[in-house]
Amino acid sequence: MDQFAFVKLSLAAFTLVILSFVVLGFGRLVVPFRTAQLFAAPIGVVGFLLVVYLTVRAALSMVGIWKIEESGS
């Protein structure tokens, strides 16, 4: 993985977490709260797991176990 891919995944994780809140908010206008939670939860979980993966990946790169290559430009 290079730095550009890492940044793209970071933006995707941030977008997924924000999207889960948006889905929850707008879902509450249309369906009951519990149903809105059921729609928003998978999006938030995927975003959270992506954040956890990126955190572990960055930590391993800092230690030198699994380096993140520099983007060639």
C-alpha atoms as a PDB file:
ATOM      1  CA  MET A   1       0.000   0.000   0.000  1.00  0.00           C
ATOM      2  CA  ASP A   2       1.332   3.433  -0.833  1.00  0.00           C
ATOM      3  CA  GLN A   3       0.572   6.745   0.844  1.00  0.00           C
ATOM      4  CA  PHE A   4      -2.010   7.724  -1.757  1.00  0.00           C
ATOM      5  CA  ALA A   5      -4.030   4.544  -1.167  1.00  0.00           C
ATOM      6  CA  PHE A   6      -3.749   5.068   2.595  1.00  0.00           C
ATOM      7  CA  VAL A   7      -5.160   8.582   2.281  1.00  0.00           C
ATOM      8  CA  LYS A   8      -7.973   7.359   0.012  1.00  0.00           C
ATOM      9  CA  LEU A   9      -8.924   4.698   2.566  1.00  0.00           C
ATOM     10  CA  SER A  10      -8.793   7.286   5.354  1.00  0.00           C
ATOM     11  CA  LEU A  11     -11.181   9.547   3.464  1.00  0.00           C
ATOM     12  CA  ALA A  12     -13.448   6.583   2.744  1.00  0.00           C
ATOM     13  CA  ALA A  13     -13.534   5.690   6.452  1.00  0.00           C
ATOM     14  CA  PHE A  14     -14.353   9.279   7.414  1.00  0.00           C
ATOM     15  CA  THR A  15     -17.076   9.419   4.755  1.00  0.00           C
ATOM     16  CA  LEU A  16     -18.631   6.154   5.938  1.00  0.00           C
ATOM     17  CA  VAL A  17     -18.784   7.303   9.560  1.00  0.00           C
ATOM     18  CA  ILE A  18     -20.373  10.626   8.565  1.00  0.00           C
ATOM     19  CA  LEU A  19     -22.758   8.817   6.201  1.00  0.00           C
ATOM     20  CA  SER A  20     -23.943   6.577   9.025  1.00  0.00           C
ATOM     21  CA  PHE A  21     -24.956   9.646  11.042  1.00  0.00           C
ATOM     22  CA  VAL A  22     -26.707  11.165   8.032  1.00  0.00           C
ATOM     23  CA  VAL A  23     -28.599   7.927   7.360  1.00  0.00           C
ATOM     24  CA  LEU A  24     -29.597   7.741  11.024  1.00  0.00           C
ATOM     25  CA  GLY A  25     -30.792  11.339  11.060  1.00  0.00           C
ATOM     26  CA  PHE A  26     -32.799  11.219   7.867  1.00  0.00           C
ATOM     27  CA  GLY A  27     -34.012   7.713   8.638  1.00  0.00           C
ATOM     28  CA  ARG A  28     -35.568   8.963  11.868  1.00  0.00           C
ATOM     29  CA  LEU A  29     -37.719  11.322   9.787  1.00  0.00           C
ATOM     30  CA  VAL A  30     -39.140   8.464   7.708  1.00  0.00           C
ATOM     31  CA  VAL A  31     -39.068   5.329   9.877  1.00  0.00           C
ATOM     32  CA  PRO A  32     -38.986   4.628  13.622  1.00  0.00           C
ATOM     33  CA  PHE A  33     -35.718   5.161  15.494  1.00  0.00           C
ATOM     34  CA  ARG A  34     -34.934   1.451  15.861  1.00  0.00           C
ATOM     35  CA  THR A  35     -35.328   0.863  12.125  1.00  0.00           C
ATOM     36  CA  ALA A  36     -33.136   3.874  11.358  1.00  0.00           C
ATOM     37  CA  GLN A  37     -30.475   2.399  13.649  1.00  0.00           C
ATOM     38  CA  LEU A  38     -30.677  -0.883  11.747  1.00  0.00           C
ATOM     39  CA  PHE A  39     -30.015   0.971   8.481  1.00  0.00           C
ATOM     40  CA  ALA A  40     -27.176   3.118   9.838  1.00  0.00           C
ATOM     41  CA  ALA A  41     -25.365   0.536  11.958  1.00  0.00           C
ATOM     42  CA  PRO A  42     -23.722  -1.524   9.168  1.00  0.00           C
ATOM     43  CA  ILE A  43     -22.352   1.630   7.550  1.00  0.00           C
ATOM     44  CA  GLY A  44     -20.908   2.825  10.852  1.00  0.00           C
ATOM     45  CA  VAL A  45     -19.416  -0.572  11.665  1.00  0.00           C
ATOM     46  CA  VAL A  46     -17.648  -0.783   8.306  1.00  0.00           C
ATOM     47  CA  GLY A  47     -16.288   2.737   8.783  1.00  0.00           C
ATOM     48  CA  PHE A  48     -15.130   1.921  12.302  1.00  0.00           C
ATOM     49  CA  LEU A  49     -13.420  -1.303  11.211  1.00  0.00           C
ATOM     50  CA  LEU A  50     -11.657   0.593   8.433  1.00  0.00           C
ATOM     51  CA  VAL A  51     -10.413   3.142  10.987  1.00  0.00           C
ATOM     52  CA  VAL A  52      -9.145   0.324  13.210  1.00  0.00           C
ATOM     53  CA  TYR A  53      -7.340  -1.303  10.264  1.00  0.00           C
ATOM     54  CA  LEU A  54      -5.732   1.985   9.245  1.00  0.00           C
ATOM     55  CA  THR A  55      -4.631   2.686  12.817  1.00  0.00           C
ATOM     56  CA  VAL A  56      -2.996  -0.736  13.138  1.00  0.00           C
ATOM     57  CA  ARG A  57      -1.426  -0.339   9.695  1.00  0.00           C
ATOM     58  CA  ALA A  58       0.014   3.067  10.603  1.00  0.00           C
ATOM     59  CA  ALA A  59       1.358   1.739  13.905  1.00  0.00           C
ATOM     60  CA  LEU A  60       3.031  -1.202  12.155  1.00  0.00           C
ATOM     61  CA  SER A  61       4.528   1.199   9.646  1.00  0.00           C
ATOM     62  CA  MET A  62       5.899   3.408  12.414  1.00  0.00           C
ATOM     63  CA  VAL A  63       7.532   0.406  14.099  1.00  0.00           C
ATOM     64  CA  GLY A  64       8.937  -0.748  10.760  1.00  0.00           C
ATOM     65  CA  ILE A  65       7.166  -4.085  10.505  1.00  0.00           C
ATOM     66  CA  TRP A  66       4.902  -3.302   7.523  1.00  0.00           C
ATOM     67  CA  LYS A  67       5.986  -0.152   5.692  1.00  0.00           C
ATOM     68  CA  ILE A  68       3.693   2.147   3.762  1.00  0.00           C
ATOM     69  CA  GLU A  69       5.530   3.011   0.568  1.00  0.00           C
ATOM     70  CA  GLU A  70       5.881   6.599  -0.540  1.00  0.00           C
ATOM     71  CA  SER A  71       3.829   7.673  -3.515  1.00  0.00           C
ATOM     72  CA  GLY A  72       5.939   8.064  -6.628  1.00  0.00           C
ATOM     73  CA  SER A  73       5.347  11.464  -8.210  1.00  0.00           C
END
